[in-house]
Amino acid sequence: MKDGRVVNPGGRYHMTSLNGTCELNIDNVTPQDAGVYTCIISNSQGKSSSTAALKIEGTKMVSYLNKKS
């Protein structure tokens, strides 16, 4: 999710899962990609989430506020 809205894979957004680790990769990041991203995973054993804010500074991408629950 980005800012509370579902992000679907495709186009510039690529989601992968390997050895229990999930990633969201964004091709050609733009200032419009800045925001709060949340990954939510659930199964019969429960639910977990991780949140990180993506900030764009000029031509640099900075990720901060990584919080797991």
N, C-alpha and C. Protein backbone atom coordinates (compact mmCIF):
# COMPACT_ATOMS: atom_id res chain seq x y z
N MET A 1 0.84 -1.17 0.00
CA MET A 1 0.00 0.00 0.00
C MET A 1 0.89 1.25 0.00
N LYS A 2 0.41 2.27 -0.65
CA LYS A 2 1.08 3.57 -0.60
C LYS A 2 0.05 4.60 -0.14
N ASP A 3 0.35 5.23 0.96
CA ASP A 3 -0.56 6.24 1.53
C ASP A 3 -1.98 5.68 1.67
N GLY A 4 -2.09 4.41 2.08
CA GLY A 4 -3.39 3.80 2.31
C GLY A 4 -4.07 3.22 1.08
N ARG A 5 -3.43 3.31 -0.07
CA ARG A 5 -4.02 2.78 -1.31
C ARG A 5 -3.20 1.58 -1.80
N VAL A 6 -3.89 0.59 -2.33
CA VAL A 6 -3.24 -0.63 -2.80
C VAL A 6 -2.33 -0.31 -3.99
N VAL A 7 -1.12 -0.86 -3.97
CA VAL A 7 -0.18 -0.76 -5.08
C VAL A 7 -0.18 -2.11 -5.78
N ASN A 8 -0.55 -2.14 -7.04
CA ASN A 8 -0.57 -3.38 -7.80
C ASN A 8 0.72 -3.54 -8.59
N PRO A 9 1.24 -4.78 -8.65
CA PRO A 9 2.44 -5.00 -9.45
C PRO A 9 2.15 -4.75 -10.93
N GLY A 10 3.17 -4.29 -11.62
CA GLY A 10 3.04 -4.01 -13.04
C GLY A 10 3.60 -2.64 -13.33
N GLY A 11 3.91 -2.40 -14.57
CA GLY A 11 4.50 -1.12 -14.96
C GLY A 11 5.83 -0.91 -14.25
N ARG A 12 5.95 0.14 -13.45
CA ARG A 12 7.19 0.44 -12.74
C ARG A 12 7.30 -0.28 -11.41
N TYR A 13 6.22 -0.91 -10.94
CA TYR A 13 6.20 -1.56 -9.62
C TYR A 13 6.42 -3.06 -9.76
N HIS A 14 7.44 -3.57 -9.06
CA HIS A 14 7.76 -4.99 -9.10
C HIS A 14 7.85 -5.51 -7.66
N MET A 15 7.14 -6.59 -7.39
CA MET A 15 7.15 -7.19 -6.06
C MET A 15 7.75 -8.58 -6.15
N THR A 16 8.69 -8.87 -5.25
CA THR A 16 9.33 -10.18 -5.23
C THR A 16 9.35 -10.73 -3.81
N SER A 17 9.44 -12.04 -3.72
CA SER A 17 9.55 -12.71 -2.43
C SER A 17 10.59 -13.82 -2.57
N LEU A 18 11.59 -13.80 -1.68
CA LEU A 18 12.65 -14.79 -1.72
C LEU A 18 13.09 -15.11 -0.31
N ASN A 19 13.06 -16.37 0.06
CA ASN A 19 13.50 -16.82 1.38
C ASN A 19 12.85 -16.04 2.53
N GLY A 20 11.57 -15.79 2.41
CA GLY A 20 10.85 -15.11 3.49
C GLY A 20 10.97 -13.60 3.51
N THR A 21 11.67 -13.03 2.53
CA THR A 21 11.82 -11.58 2.45
C THR A 21 11.08 -11.07 1.21
N CYS A 22 10.24 -10.07 1.41
CA CYS A 22 9.49 -9.49 0.29
C CYS A 22 10.05 -8.10 -0.02
N GLU A 23 10.05 -7.76 -1.30
CA GLU A 23 10.56 -6.45 -1.73
C GLU A 23 9.60 -5.79 -2.69
N LEU A 24 9.55 -4.47 -2.63
CA LEU A 24 8.88 -3.65 -3.62
C LEU A 24 9.96 -2.84 -4.29
N ASN A 25 10.09 -3.00 -5.60
CA ASN A 25 11.05 -2.22 -6.37
C ASN A 25 10.28 -1.30 -7.31
N ILE A 26 10.71 -0.05 -7.36
CA ILE A 26 10.08 0.94 -8.22
C ILE A 26 11.11 1.41 -9.24
N ASP A 27 10.81 1.20 -10.51
CA ASP A 27 11.71 1.66 -11.57
C ASP A 27 11.55 3.16 -11.78
N ASN A 28 12.65 3.83 -12.08
CA ASN A 28 12.63 5.26 -12.44
C ASN A 28 11.81 6.09 -11.45
N VAL A 29 12.23 6.08 -10.19
CA VAL A 29 11.51 6.78 -9.12
C VAL A 29 11.37 8.26 -9.44
N THR A 30 10.18 8.79 -9.17
CA THR A 30 9.88 10.21 -9.37
C THR A 30 9.40 10.81 -8.05
N PRO A 31 9.36 12.13 -7.94
CA PRO A 31 8.87 12.75 -6.70
C PRO A 31 7.45 12.29 -6.33
N GLN A 32 6.64 11.91 -7.31
CA GLN A 32 5.28 11.45 -7.02
C GLN A 32 5.27 10.10 -6.30
N ASP A 33 6.39 9.39 -6.30
CA ASP A 33 6.48 8.11 -5.61
C ASP A 33 6.71 8.29 -4.10
N ALA A 34 7.03 9.49 -3.67
CA ALA A 34 7.23 9.73 -2.24
C ALA A 34 5.94 9.45 -1.48
N GLY A 35 6.08 8.89 -0.29
CA GLY A 35 4.91 8.61 0.52
C GLY A 35 5.21 7.53 1.53
N VAL A 36 4.17 7.06 2.19
CA VAL A 36 4.30 6.02 3.21
C VAL A 36 3.84 4.69 2.60
N TYR A 37 4.75 3.73 2.58
CA TYR A 37 4.47 2.41 2.02
C TYR A 37 4.32 1.41 3.16
N THR A 38 3.31 0.56 3.05
CA THR A 38 3.06 -0.47 4.06
C THR A 38 2.89 -1.81 3.37
N CYS A 39 3.61 -2.79 3.89
CA CYS A 39 3.47 -4.17 3.43
C CYS A 39 2.73 -4.94 4.52
N ILE A 40 1.65 -5.60 4.13
CA ILE A 40 0.86 -6.39 5.08
C ILE A 40 0.83 -7.82 4.59
N ILE A 41 1.17 -8.73 5.48
CA ILE A 41 1.16 -10.15 5.14
C ILE A 41 0.37 -10.89 6.20
N SER A 42 -0.41 -11.88 5.78
CA SER A 42 -1.20 -12.63 6.75
C SER A 42 -1.36 -14.07 6.29
N ASN A 43 -1.55 -14.93 7.24
CA ASN A 43 -1.86 -16.33 6.98
C ASN A 43 -2.67 -16.84 8.16
N SER A 44 -2.86 -18.14 8.24
CA SER A 44 -3.68 -18.71 9.31
C SER A 44 -3.06 -18.50 10.69
N GLN A 45 -1.78 -18.20 10.75
CA GLN A 45 -1.09 -18.00 12.03
C GLN A 45 -1.15 -16.56 12.53
N GLY A 46 -1.56 -15.64 11.67
CA GLY A 46 -1.65 -14.25 12.11
C GLY A 46 -1.35 -13.26 11.00
N LYS A 47 -1.04 -12.04 11.41
CA LYS A 47 -0.84 -10.93 10.48
C LYS A 47 0.36 -10.11 10.93
N SER A 48 1.11 -9.59 9.98
CA SER A 48 2.25 -8.75 10.28
C SER A 48 2.34 -7.64 9.24
N SER A 49 2.92 -6.51 9.63
CA SER A 49 3.08 -5.42 8.67
C SER A 49 4.40 -4.71 8.90
N SER A 50 4.85 -4.04 7.86
CA SER A 50 6.06 -3.23 7.93
C SER A 50 5.77 -1.94 7.17
N THR A 51 6.17 -0.81 7.75
CA THR A 51 5.90 0.49 7.14
C THR A 51 7.19 1.27 6.99
N ALA A 52 7.33 1.93 5.85
CA ALA A 52 8.49 2.79 5.61
C ALA A 52 8.04 4.00 4.80
N ALA A 53 8.63 5.14 5.08
CA ALA A 53 8.33 6.35 4.33
C ALA A 53 9.43 6.56 3.30
N LEU A 54 9.04 6.91 2.10
CA LEU A 54 9.98 7.18 1.02
C LEU A 54 9.95 8.67 0.75
N LYS A 55 11.11 9.30 0.88
CA LYS A 55 11.25 10.73 0.64
C LYS A 55 12.21 10.93 -0.52
N ILE A 56 11.88 11.82 -1.42
CA ILE A 56 12.74 12.13 -2.57
C ILE A 56 13.36 13.50 -2.32
N GLU A 57 14.70 13.54 -2.32
CA GLU A 57 15.42 14.80 -2.13
C GLU A 57 16.25 15.06 -3.38
N GLY A 58 15.76 15.96 -4.23
CA GLY A 58 16.46 16.23 -5.49
C GLY A 58 16.50 14.97 -6.34
N THR A 59 17.67 14.48 -6.62
CA THR A 59 17.80 13.25 -7.41
C THR A 59 18.09 12.06 -6.51
N LYS A 60 18.01 12.24 -5.19
CA LYS A 60 18.30 11.16 -4.25
C LYS A 60 17.02 10.62 -3.64
N MET A 61 17.00 9.31 -3.45
CA MET A 61 15.88 8.66 -2.80
C MET A 61 16.31 8.29 -1.39
N VAL A 62 15.49 8.62 -0.40
CA VAL A 62 15.81 8.33 0.99
C VAL A 62 14.61 7.60 1.61
N SER A 63 14.86 6.44 2.19
CA SER A 63 13.81 5.70 2.88
C SER A 63 14.02 5.86 4.38
N TYR A 64 12.95 6.14 5.11
CA TYR A 64 13.07 6.32 6.55
C TYR A 64 11.82 5.83 7.25
N LEU A 65 11.84 5.83 8.57
CA LEU A 65 10.70 5.44 9.39
C LEU A 65 10.27 4.01 9.12
N ASN A 66 11.20 3.09 9.20
CA ASN A 66 10.89 1.69 8.99
C ASN A 66 10.35 1.13 10.29
N LYS A 67 9.11 0.71 10.31
CA LYS A 67 8.45 0.25 11.51
C LYS A 67 7.73 -1.07 11.23
N LYS A 68 7.98 -2.06 12.08
CA LYS A 68 7.31 -3.36 11.93
C LYS A 68 6.32 -3.55 13.06
N SER A 69 5.25 -4.28 12.75
CA SER A 69 4.28 -4.61 13.81
C SER A 69 3.82 -6.03 13.65
